[in-house]
Full PDB file with SEQRES, HELIX, SHEET, SSBOND, CRYST1, ORIGX, SCALE, CONECT and MASTER records, all heavy atoms in Angstrom:
SEQRES   1 A   36  GLU ARG GLU SER ASP PRO GLN VAL ALA ARG ALA LEU ALA          
SEQRES   2 A   36  VAL CYS ARG ARG CYS ARG VAL LEU LEU ALA CYS ARG SER          
SEQRES   3 A   36  TRP ALA ILE GLU GLN GLY GLU ASP ALA GLY                      
HELIX    1 AA1 PRO A    6  CYS A   15  1                                  10    
HELIX    2 AA2 LEU A   21  GLN A   31  1                                  11    
CRYST1    1.000    1.000    1.000  90.00  90.00  90.00 P 1           1          
ORIGX1      1.000000  0.000000  0.000000        0.00000                         
ORIGX2      0.000000  1.000000  0.000000        0.00000                         
ORIGX3      0.000000  0.000000  1.000000        0.00000                         
SCALE1      1.000000  0.000000  0.000000        0.00000                         
SCALE2      0.000000  1.000000  0.000000        0.00000                         
SCALE3      0.000000  0.000000  1.000000        0.00000                         
ATOM      1  N   GLU A   1       0.802  -1.268  -0.018  1.00  0.00           N  
ATOM      2  CA  GLU A   1       0.018   0.039   0.031  1.00  0.00           C  
ATOM      3  C   GLU A   1       0.935   1.221  -0.014  1.00  0.00           C  
ATOM      4  O   GLU A   1       0.662   2.164   0.835  1.00  0.00           O  
ATOM      5  CB  GLU A   1      -0.955  -0.024   1.179  1.00  0.00           C  
ATOM      6  CG  GLU A   1      -2.033  -1.117   1.073  1.00  0.00           C  
ATOM      7  CD  GLU A   1      -3.050  -1.021   2.172  1.00  0.00           C  
ATOM      8  OE1 GLU A   1      -2.914  -0.156   3.047  1.00  0.00           O  
ATOM      9  OE2 GLU A   1      -3.924  -1.896   2.154  1.00  0.00           O  
ATOM     10  N   ARG A   2       1.787   1.386  -1.088  1.00  0.00           N  
ATOM     11  CA  ARG A   2       2.528   2.540  -1.103  1.00  0.00           C  
ATOM     12  C   ARG A   2       1.919   3.380  -2.190  1.00  0.00           C  
ATOM     13  O   ARG A   2       1.533   2.927  -3.246  1.00  0.00           O  
ATOM     14  CB  ARG A   2       3.982   2.198  -1.625  1.00  0.00           C  
ATOM     15  CG  ARG A   2       4.734   1.510  -0.407  1.00  0.00           C  
ATOM     16  CD  ARG A   2       6.183   1.215  -0.929  1.00  0.00           C  
ATOM     17  NE  ARG A   2       6.216   0.448  -2.100  1.00  0.00           N  
ATOM     18  CZ  ARG A   2       6.258  -0.909  -2.159  1.00  0.00           C  
ATOM     19  NH1 ARG A   2       6.234  -1.570  -1.108  1.00  0.00           N  
ATOM     20  NH2 ARG A   2       6.300  -1.567  -3.421  1.00  0.00           N  
ATOM     21  N   GLU A   3       1.771   4.815  -1.936  1.00  0.00           N  
ATOM     22  CA  GLU A   3       1.122   5.678  -2.845  1.00  0.00           C  
ATOM     23  C   GLU A   3       1.890   5.728  -4.161  1.00  0.00           C  
ATOM     24  O   GLU A   3       1.241   6.037  -5.212  1.00  0.00           O  
ATOM     25  CB  GLU A   3       0.962   6.982  -2.265  1.00  0.00           C  
ATOM     26  CG  GLU A   3      -0.069   7.102  -1.217  1.00  0.00           C  
ATOM     27  CD  GLU A   3      -0.490   8.573  -0.925  1.00  0.00           C  
ATOM     28  OE1 GLU A   3      -0.870   9.358  -1.801  1.00  0.00           O  
ATOM     29  OE2 GLU A   3      -0.382   8.916   0.292  1.00  0.00           O  
ATOM     30  N   SER A   4       3.109   5.350  -4.170  1.00  0.00           N  
ATOM     31  CA  SER A   4       3.875   5.321  -5.450  1.00  0.00           C  
ATOM     32  C   SER A   4       3.477   4.084  -6.301  1.00  0.00           C  
ATOM     33  O   SER A   4       3.870   4.057  -7.495  1.00  0.00           O  
ATOM     34  CB  SER A   4       5.357   5.341  -5.164  1.00  0.00           C  
ATOM     35  OG  SER A   4       5.703   4.199  -4.428  1.00  0.00           O  
ATOM     36  N   ASP A   5       2.860   3.130  -5.751  1.00  0.00           N  
ATOM     37  CA  ASP A   5       2.464   1.906  -6.514  1.00  0.00           C  
ATOM     38  C   ASP A   5       1.319   2.290  -7.466  1.00  0.00           C  
ATOM     39  O   ASP A   5       0.346   2.921  -7.142  1.00  0.00           O  
ATOM     40  CB  ASP A   5       1.941   0.846  -5.555  1.00  0.00           C  
ATOM     41  CG  ASP A   5       1.627  -0.435  -6.176  1.00  0.00           C  
ATOM     42  OD1 ASP A   5       0.606  -0.471  -6.915  1.00  0.00           O  
ATOM     43  OD2 ASP A   5       2.329  -1.441  -6.043  1.00  0.00           O  
ATOM     44  N   PRO A   6       1.428   1.949  -8.749  1.00  0.00           N  
ATOM     45  CA  PRO A   6       0.406   2.282  -9.706  1.00  0.00           C  
ATOM     46  C   PRO A   6      -0.948   1.812  -9.359  1.00  0.00           C  
ATOM     47  O   PRO A   6      -1.931   2.473  -9.631  1.00  0.00           O  
ATOM     48  CB  PRO A   6       0.919   1.615 -11.035  1.00  0.00           C  
ATOM     49  CG  PRO A   6       2.405   1.499 -10.919  1.00  0.00           C  
ATOM     50  CD  PRO A   6       2.647   1.275  -9.411  1.00  0.00           C  
ATOM     51  N   GLN A   7      -1.083   0.669  -8.751  1.00  0.00           N  
ATOM     52  CA  GLN A   7      -2.390   0.079  -8.438  1.00  0.00           C  
ATOM     53  C   GLN A   7      -2.980   0.949  -7.322  1.00  0.00           C  
ATOM     54  O   GLN A   7      -4.224   1.200  -7.375  1.00  0.00           O  
ATOM     55  CB  GLN A   7      -2.180  -1.391  -7.910  1.00  0.00           C  
ATOM     56  CG  GLN A   7      -3.550  -1.983  -7.548  1.00  0.00           C  
ATOM     57  CD  GLN A   7      -3.482  -3.443  -7.157  1.00  0.00           C  
ATOM     58  OE1 GLN A   7      -2.380  -4.043  -7.239  1.00  0.00           O  
ATOM     59  NE2 GLN A   7      -4.503  -3.902  -6.558  1.00  0.00           N  
ATOM     60  N   VAL A   8      -2.226   1.344  -6.377  1.00  0.00           N  
ATOM     61  CA  VAL A   8      -2.727   2.137  -5.262  1.00  0.00           C  
ATOM     62  C   VAL A   8      -3.188   3.533  -5.907  1.00  0.00           C  
ATOM     63  O   VAL A   8      -4.111   4.048  -5.519  1.00  0.00           O  
ATOM     64  CB  VAL A   8      -1.606   2.429  -4.217  1.00  0.00           C  
ATOM     65  CG1 VAL A   8      -2.101   3.427  -3.123  1.00  0.00           C  
ATOM     66  CG2 VAL A   8      -1.383   1.117  -3.500  1.00  0.00           C  
ATOM     67  N   ALA A   9      -2.365   4.062  -6.777  1.00  0.00           N  
ATOM     68  CA  ALA A   9      -2.799   5.370  -7.438  1.00  0.00           C  
ATOM     69  C   ALA A   9      -4.064   5.198  -8.162  1.00  0.00           C  
ATOM     70  O   ALA A   9      -4.940   6.066  -8.121  1.00  0.00           O  
ATOM     71  CB  ALA A   9      -1.651   5.792  -8.403  1.00  0.00           C  
ATOM     72  N   ARG A  10      -4.290   4.085  -8.805  1.00  0.00           N  
ATOM     73  CA  ARG A  10      -5.580   3.895  -9.582  1.00  0.00           C  
ATOM     74  C   ARG A  10      -6.692   3.816  -8.567  1.00  0.00           C  
ATOM     75  O   ARG A  10      -7.817   4.436  -8.770  1.00  0.00           O  
ATOM     76  CB  ARG A  10      -5.548   2.688 -10.429  1.00  0.00           C  
ATOM     77  CG  ARG A  10      -4.735   2.788 -11.710  1.00  0.00           C  
ATOM     78  CD  ARG A  10      -4.926   1.756 -12.692  1.00  0.00           C  
ATOM     79  NE  ARG A  10      -4.618   0.385 -12.174  1.00  0.00           N  
ATOM     80  CZ  ARG A  10      -3.474  -0.188 -12.021  1.00  0.00           C  
ATOM     81  NH1 ARG A  10      -2.373   0.464 -12.455  1.00  0.00           N  
ATOM     82  NH2 ARG A  10      -3.330  -1.397 -11.572  1.00  0.00           N  
ATOM     83  N   ALA A  11      -6.482   3.020  -7.470  1.00  0.00           N  
ATOM     84  CA  ALA A  11      -7.574   2.936  -6.441  1.00  0.00           C  
ATOM     85  C   ALA A  11      -7.867   4.222  -5.861  1.00  0.00           C  
ATOM     86  O   ALA A  11      -9.019   4.654  -5.577  1.00  0.00           O  
ATOM     87  CB  ALA A  11      -7.115   1.994  -5.375  1.00  0.00           C  
ATOM     88  N   LEU A  12      -6.854   5.074  -5.500  1.00  0.00           N  
ATOM     89  CA  LEU A  12      -7.052   6.399  -4.900  1.00  0.00           C  
ATOM     90  C   LEU A  12      -7.752   7.306  -5.831  1.00  0.00           C  
ATOM     91  O   LEU A  12      -8.519   8.119  -5.428  1.00  0.00           O  
ATOM     92  CB  LEU A  12      -5.772   6.989  -4.499  1.00  0.00           C  
ATOM     93  CG  LEU A  12      -5.018   6.237  -3.271  1.00  0.00           C  
ATOM     94  CD1 LEU A  12      -3.646   6.876  -3.089  1.00  0.00           C  
ATOM     95  CD2 LEU A  12      -5.813   6.361  -1.996  1.00  0.00           C  
ATOM     96  N   ALA A  13      -7.501   7.135  -7.139  1.00  0.00           N  
ATOM     97  CA  ALA A  13      -8.208   7.969  -8.119  1.00  0.00           C  
ATOM     98  C   ALA A  13      -9.650   7.664  -8.233  1.00  0.00           C  
ATOM     99  O   ALA A  13     -10.507   8.606  -8.282  1.00  0.00           O  
ATOM    100  CB  ALA A  13      -7.599   7.799  -9.570  1.00  0.00           C  
ATOM    101  N   VAL A  14     -10.083   6.404  -8.001  1.00  0.00           N  
ATOM    102  CA  VAL A  14     -11.463   6.046  -7.947  1.00  0.00           C  
ATOM    103  C   VAL A  14     -12.094   6.598  -6.678  1.00  0.00           C  
ATOM    104  O   VAL A  14     -13.148   7.350  -6.786  1.00  0.00           O  
ATOM    105  CB  VAL A  14     -11.674   4.497  -7.949  1.00  0.00           C  
ATOM    106  CG1 VAL A  14     -13.128   4.175  -7.645  1.00  0.00           C  
ATOM    107  CG2 VAL A  14     -11.237   3.990  -9.274  1.00  0.00           C  
ATOM    108  N   CYS A  15     -11.396   6.503  -5.526  1.00  0.00           N  
ATOM    109  CA  CYS A  15     -11.957   7.086  -4.334  1.00  0.00           C  
ATOM    110  C   CYS A  15     -12.066   8.590  -4.407  1.00  0.00           C  
ATOM    111  O   CYS A  15     -13.104   9.207  -3.840  1.00  0.00           O  
ATOM    112  CB  CYS A  15     -10.989   6.730  -3.170  1.00  0.00           C  
ATOM    113  SG  CYS A  15     -10.921   4.970  -2.724  1.00  0.00           S  
ATOM    114  N   ARG A  16     -11.179   9.305  -4.987  1.00  0.00           N  
ATOM    115  CA  ARG A  16     -11.182  10.723  -4.935  1.00  0.00           C  
ATOM    116  C   ARG A  16     -12.266  11.325  -5.838  1.00  0.00           C  
ATOM    117  O   ARG A  16     -12.615  12.495  -5.554  1.00  0.00           O  
ATOM    118  CB  ARG A  16      -9.824  11.311  -5.308  1.00  0.00           C  
ATOM    119  CG  ARG A  16      -8.807  10.987  -4.203  1.00  0.00           C  
ATOM    120  CD  ARG A  16      -7.406  11.608  -4.509  1.00  0.00           C  
ATOM    121  NE  ARG A  16      -6.506  11.275  -3.447  1.00  0.00           N  
ATOM    122  CZ  ARG A  16      -5.327  10.852  -3.661  1.00  0.00           C  
ATOM    123  NH1 ARG A  16      -4.780  10.618  -4.832  1.00  0.00           N  
ATOM    124  NH2 ARG A  16      -4.570  10.577  -2.557  1.00  0.00           N  
ATOM    125  N   ARG A  17     -12.878  10.541  -6.662  1.00  0.00           N  
ATOM    126  CA  ARG A  17     -13.987  10.996  -7.457  1.00  0.00           C  
ATOM    127  C   ARG A  17     -15.306  10.603  -6.846  1.00  0.00           C  
ATOM    128  O   ARG A  17     -16.466  10.844  -7.412  1.00  0.00           O  
ATOM    129  CB  ARG A  17     -13.858  10.644  -8.936  1.00  0.00           C  
ATOM    130  CG  ARG A  17     -14.102   9.191  -9.218  1.00  0.00           C  
ATOM    131  CD  ARG A  17     -14.243   8.932 -10.696  1.00  0.00           C  
ATOM    132  NE  ARG A  17     -14.706   7.577 -10.903  1.00  0.00           N  
ATOM    133  CZ  ARG A  17     -14.024   6.471 -11.166  1.00  0.00           C  
ATOM    134  NH1 ARG A  17     -12.674   6.621 -11.342  1.00  0.00           N  
ATOM    135  NH2 ARG A  17     -14.574   5.334 -11.321  1.00  0.00           N  
ATOM    136  N   CYS A  18     -15.222   9.915  -5.650  1.00  0.00           N  
ATOM    137  CA  CYS A  18     -16.443   9.411  -5.041  1.00  0.00           C  
ATOM    138  C   CYS A  18     -17.131  10.381  -4.184  1.00  0.00           C  
ATOM    139  O   CYS A  18     -16.541  11.074  -3.315  1.00  0.00           O  
ATOM    140  CB  CYS A  18     -16.010   8.182  -4.253  1.00  0.00           C  
ATOM    141  SG  CYS A  18     -17.386   7.258  -3.592  1.00  0.00           S  
ATOM    142  N   ARG A  19     -18.491  10.397  -4.294  1.00  0.00           N  
ATOM    143  CA  ARG A  19     -19.276  11.382  -3.478  1.00  0.00           C  
ATOM    144  C   ARG A  19     -19.523  10.859  -2.035  1.00  0.00           C  
ATOM    145  O   ARG A  19     -19.988  11.605  -1.301  1.00  0.00           O  
ATOM    146  CB  ARG A  19     -20.587  11.751  -4.219  1.00  0.00           C  
ATOM    147  CG  ARG A  19     -21.520  10.607  -4.405  1.00  0.00           C  
ATOM    148  CD  ARG A  19     -22.654  11.097  -5.299  1.00  0.00           C  
ATOM    149  NE  ARG A  19     -23.838  10.226  -4.996  1.00  0.00           N  
ATOM    150  CZ  ARG A  19     -25.052  10.551  -5.347  1.00  0.00           C  
ATOM    151  NH1 ARG A  19     -25.239  11.640  -6.023  1.00  0.00           N  
ATOM    152  NH2 ARG A  19     -26.050   9.751  -5.029  1.00  0.00           N  
ATOM    153  N   VAL A  20     -19.202   9.565  -1.879  1.00  0.00           N  
ATOM    154  CA  VAL A  20     -19.394   9.053  -0.391  1.00  0.00           C  
ATOM    155  C   VAL A  20     -18.055   8.782   0.235  1.00  0.00           C  
ATOM    156  O   VAL A  20     -17.950   7.927   1.132  1.00  0.00           O  
ATOM    157  CB  VAL A  20     -20.288   7.861  -0.397  1.00  0.00           C  
ATOM    158  CG1 VAL A  20     -21.669   8.279  -0.919  1.00  0.00           C  
ATOM    159  CG2 VAL A  20     -19.771   6.728  -1.198  1.00  0.00           C  
ATOM    160  N   LEU A  21     -16.943   9.370  -0.232  1.00  0.00           N  
ATOM    161  CA  LEU A  21     -15.700   9.191   0.221  1.00  0.00           C  
ATOM    162  C   LEU A  21     -15.590   9.240   1.757  1.00  0.00           C  
ATOM    163  O   LEU A  21     -15.068   8.322   2.437  1.00  0.00           O  
ATOM    164  CB  LEU A  21     -14.650  10.155  -0.370  1.00  0.00           C  
ATOM    165  CG  LEU A  21     -13.176  10.092   0.000  1.00  0.00           C  
ATOM    166  CD1 LEU A  21     -12.417  10.543  -1.125  1.00  0.00           C  
ATOM    167  CD2 LEU A  21     -12.899  10.919   1.210  1.00  0.00           C  
ATOM    168  N   LEU A  22     -16.117  10.290   2.411  1.00  0.00           N  
ATOM    169  CA  LEU A  22     -15.962  10.503   3.814  1.00  0.00           C  
ATOM    170  C   LEU A  22     -16.870   9.415   4.524  1.00  0.00           C  
ATOM    171  O   LEU A  22     -16.390   8.926   5.589  1.00  0.00           O  
ATOM    172  CB  LEU A  22     -16.476  11.852   4.167  1.00  0.00           C  
ATOM    173  CG  LEU A  22     -15.591  13.012   3.674  1.00  0.00           C  
ATOM    174  CD1 LEU A  22     -16.155  14.381   4.061  1.00  0.00           C  
ATOM    175  CD2 LEU A  22     -14.185  12.801   4.162  1.00  0.00           C  
ATOM    176  N   ALA A  23     -17.983   9.006   4.027  1.00  0.00           N  
ATOM    177  CA  ALA A  23     -18.731   7.881   4.723  1.00  0.00           C  
ATOM    178  C   ALA A  23     -17.887   6.594   4.669  1.00  0.00           C  
ATOM    179  O   ALA A  23     -17.910   5.843   5.664  1.00  0.00           O  
ATOM    180  CB  ALA A  23     -20.101   7.731   4.060  1.00  0.00           C  
ATOM    181  N   CYS A  24     -17.298   6.304   3.504  1.00  0.00           N  
ATOM    182  CA  CYS A  24     -16.515   5.155   3.339  1.00  0.00           C  
ATOM    183  C   CYS A  24     -15.311   5.157   4.293  1.00  0.00           C  
ATOM    184  O   CYS A  24     -15.055   4.088   5.021  1.00  0.00           O  
ATOM    185  CB  CYS A  24     -16.023   5.003   1.890  1.00  0.00           C  
ATOM    186  SG  CYS A  24     -14.914   3.611   1.534  1.00  0.00           S  
ATOM    187  N   ARG A  25     -14.564   6.227   4.388  1.00  0.00           N  
ATOM    188  CA  ARG A  25     -13.474   6.368   5.261  1.00  0.00           C  
ATOM    189  C   ARG A  25     -13.885   6.209   6.726  1.00  0.00           C  
ATOM    190  O   ARG A  25     -13.190   5.497   7.497  1.00  0.00           O  
ATOM    191  CB  ARG A  25     -12.813   7.730   5.039  1.00  0.00           C  
ATOM    192  CG  ARG A  25     -11.593   7.953   5.907  1.00  0.00           C  
ATOM    193  CD  ARG A  25     -11.002   9.371   5.745  1.00  0.00           C  
ATOM    194  NE  ARG A  25     -10.622   9.529   4.409  1.00  0.00           N  
ATOM    195  CZ  ARG A  25     -10.414  10.780   3.846  1.00  0.00           C  
ATOM    196  NH1 ARG A  25     -10.713  11.838   4.434  1.00  0.00           N  
ATOM    197  NH2 ARG A  25     -10.066  10.787   2.577  1.00  0.00           N  
ATOM    198  N   SER A  26     -14.970   6.868   7.121  1.00  0.00           N  
ATOM    199  CA  SER A  26     -15.461   6.800   8.496  1.00  0.00           C  
ATOM    200  C   SER A  26     -15.782   5.360   8.849  1.00  0.00           C  
ATOM    201  O   SER A  26     -15.459   4.865   9.894  1.00  0.00           O  
ATOM    202  CB  SER A  26     -16.680   7.683   8.639  1.00  0.00           C  
ATOM    203  OG  SER A  26     -16.298   9.075   8.534  1.00  0.00           O  
ATOM    204  N   TRP A  27     -16.554   4.621   7.908  1.00  0.00           N  
ATOM    205  CA  TRP A  27     -16.830   3.305   8.156  1.00  0.00           C  
ATOM    206  C   TRP A  27     -15.532   2.409   8.412  1.00  0.00           C  
ATOM    207  O   TRP A  27     -15.527   1.697   9.303  1.00  0.00           O  
ATOM    208  CB  TRP A  27     -17.678   2.757   7.087  1.00  0.00           C  
ATOM    209  CG  TRP A  27     -18.098   1.274   7.294  1.00  0.00           C  
ATOM    210  CD1 TRP A  27     -19.214   0.866   7.955  1.00  0.00           C  
ATOM    211  CD2 TRP A  27     -17.375   0.081   6.925  1.00  0.00           C  
ATOM    212  NE1 TRP A  27     -19.160  -0.499   7.902  1.00  0.00           N  
ATOM    213  CE2 TRP A  27     -18.119  -0.990   7.348  1.00  0.00           C  
ATOM    214  CE3 TRP A  27     -16.167  -0.063   6.259  1.00  0.00           C  
ATOM    215  CZ2 TRP A  27     -17.643  -2.287   7.210  1.00  0.00           C  
ATOM    216  CZ3 TRP A  27     -15.671  -1.415   6.076  1.00  0.00           C  
ATOM    217  CH2 TRP A  27     -16.495  -2.453   6.564  1.00  0.00           C  
ATOM    218  N   ALA A  28     -14.605   2.573   7.506  1.00  0.00           N  
ATOM    219  CA  ALA A  28     -13.348   1.719   7.567  1.00  0.00           C  
ATOM    220  C   ALA A  28     -12.584   2.081   8.932  1.00  0.00           C  
ATOM    221  O   ALA A  28     -12.125   1.186   9.590  1.00  0.00           O  
ATOM    222  CB  ALA A  28     -12.473   2.110   6.465  1.00  0.00           C  
ATOM    223  N   ILE A  29     -12.669   3.306   9.400  1.00  0.00           N  
ATOM    224  CA  ILE A  29     -11.965   3.683  10.626  1.00  0.00           C  
ATOM    225  C   ILE A  29     -12.783   3.078  11.812  1.00  0.00           C  
ATOM    226  O   ILE A  29     -12.089   2.456  12.693  1.00  0.00           O  
ATOM    227  CB  ILE A  29     -11.746   5.210  10.714  1.00  0.00           C  
ATOM    228  CG1 ILE A  29     -10.761   5.731   9.651  1.00  0.00           C  
ATOM    229  CG2 ILE A  29     -11.343   5.646  12.153  1.00  0.00           C  
ATOM    230  CD1 ILE A  29     -10.718   7.200   9.483  1.00  0.00           C  
ATOM    231  N   GLU A  30     -14.111   3.322  11.792  1.00  0.00           N  
ATOM    232  CA  GLU A  30     -14.872   2.804  12.844  1.00  0.00           C  
ATOM    233  C   GLU A  30     -14.794   1.264  13.026  1.00  0.00           C  
ATOM    234  O   GLU A  30     -14.864   0.772  14.135  1.00  0.00           O  
ATOM    235  CB  GLU A  30     -16.365   3.229  12.674  1.00  0.00           C  
ATOM    236  CG  GLU A  30     -16.540   4.743  12.888  1.00  0.00           C  
ATOM    237  CD  GLU A  30     -17.897   5.232  12.429  1.00  0.00           C  
ATOM    238  OE1 GLU A  30     -18.784   4.405  12.003  1.00  0.00           O  
ATOM    239  OE2 GLU A  30     -18.064   6.359  12.323  1.00  0.00           O  
ATOM    240  N   GLN A  31     -14.748   0.614  11.867  1.00  0.00           N  
ATOM    241  CA  GLN A  31     -14.660  -0.844  11.924  1.00  0.00           C  
ATOM    242  C   GLN A  31     -13.249  -1.461  12.139  1.00  0.00           C  
ATOM    243  O   GLN A  31     -13.127  -2.605  12.276  1.00  0.00           O  
ATOM    244  CB  GLN A  31     -15.289  -1.468  10.513  1.00  0.00           C  
ATOM    245  CG  GLN A  31     -16.674  -1.086  10.330  1.00  0.00           C  
ATOM    246  CD  GLN A  31     -17.621  -1.592  11.425  1.00  0.00           C  
ATOM    247  OE1 GLN A  31     -17.521  -2.767  11.838  1.00  0.00           O  
ATOM    248  NE2 GLN A  31     -18.470  -0.637  11.948  1.00  0.00           N  
ATOM    249  N   GLY A  32     -12.255  -0.559  12.070  1.00  0.00           N  
ATOM    250  CA  GLY A  32     -10.891  -1.014  12.268  1.00  0.00           C  
ATOM    251  C   GLY A  32     -10.360  -1.816  11.033  1.00  0.00           C  
ATOM    252  O   GLY A  32      -9.619  -2.725  11.110  1.00  0.00           O  
ATOM    253  N   GLU A  33     -10.923  -1.405   9.819  1.00  0.00           N  
ATOM    254  CA  GLU A  33     -10.561  -2.117   8.594  1.00  0.00           C  
ATOM    255  C   GLU A  33      -9.117  -1.908   8.383  1.00  0.00           C  
ATOM    256  O   GLU A  33      -8.621  -0.779   8.211  1.00  0.00           O  
ATOM    257  CB  GLU A  33     -11.302  -1.610   7.405  1.00  0.00           C  
ATOM    258  CG  GLU A  33     -11.158  -2.237   6.131  1.00  0.00           C  
ATOM    259  CD  GLU A  33     -11.461  -3.706   6.093  1.00  0.00           C  
ATOM    260  OE1 GLU A  33     -12.567  -4.034   6.470  1.00  0.00           O  
ATOM    261  OE2 GLU A  33     -10.584  -4.563   5.892  1.00  0.00           O  
ATOM    262  N   ASP A  34      -8.253  -3.092   8.492  1.00  0.00           N  
ATOM    263  CA  ASP A  34      -6.896  -3.001   8.442  1.00  0.00           C  
ATOM    264  C   ASP A  34      -6.262  -3.546   7.074  1.00  0.00           C  
ATOM    265  O   ASP A  34      -5.185  -3.927   7.082  1.00  0.00           O  
ATOM    266  CB  ASP A  34      -6.234  -3.656   9.499  1.00  0.00           C  
ATOM    267  CG  ASP A  34      -4.923  -3.235   9.909  1.00  0.00           C  
ATOM    268  OD1 ASP A  34      -4.478  -2.078   9.616  1.00  0.00           O  
ATOM    269  OD2 ASP A  34      -4.086  -4.111  10.365  1.00  0.00           O  
ATOM    270  N   ALA A  35      -7.070  -3.489   6.008  1.00  0.00           N  
ATOM    271  CA  ALA A  35      -6.583  -3.918   4.734  1.00  0.00           C  
ATOM    272  C   ALA A  35      -7.241  -3.085   3.594  1.00  0.00           C  
ATOM    273  O   ALA A  35      -8.493  -2.734   3.732  1.00  0.00           O  
ATOM    274  CB  ALA A  35      -6.805  -5.413   4.558  1.00  0.00           C  
ATOM    275  N   GLY A  36      -6.520  -2.837   2.598  1.00  0.00           N  
ATOM    276  CA  GLY A  36      -7.122  -2.255   1.466  1.00  0.00           C  
ATOM    277  C   GLY A  36      -7.177  -0.702   1.461  1.00  0.00           C  
ATOM    278  O   GLY A  36      -6.929  -0.080   2.502  1.00  0.00           O  
TER     279      GLY A  36                                                      
MASTER        0    0    0    2    0    0    0    6  278    1    0    3          
END                                                                             
């Protein structure tokens, strides 16, 4: 999960255009999601 990795960059690009980004992030933090 290095930001310099092309796969990570593509995933982050999808996330950054998402209108529910903050809800997704909050859910992952609240659930302790430790992968992905």
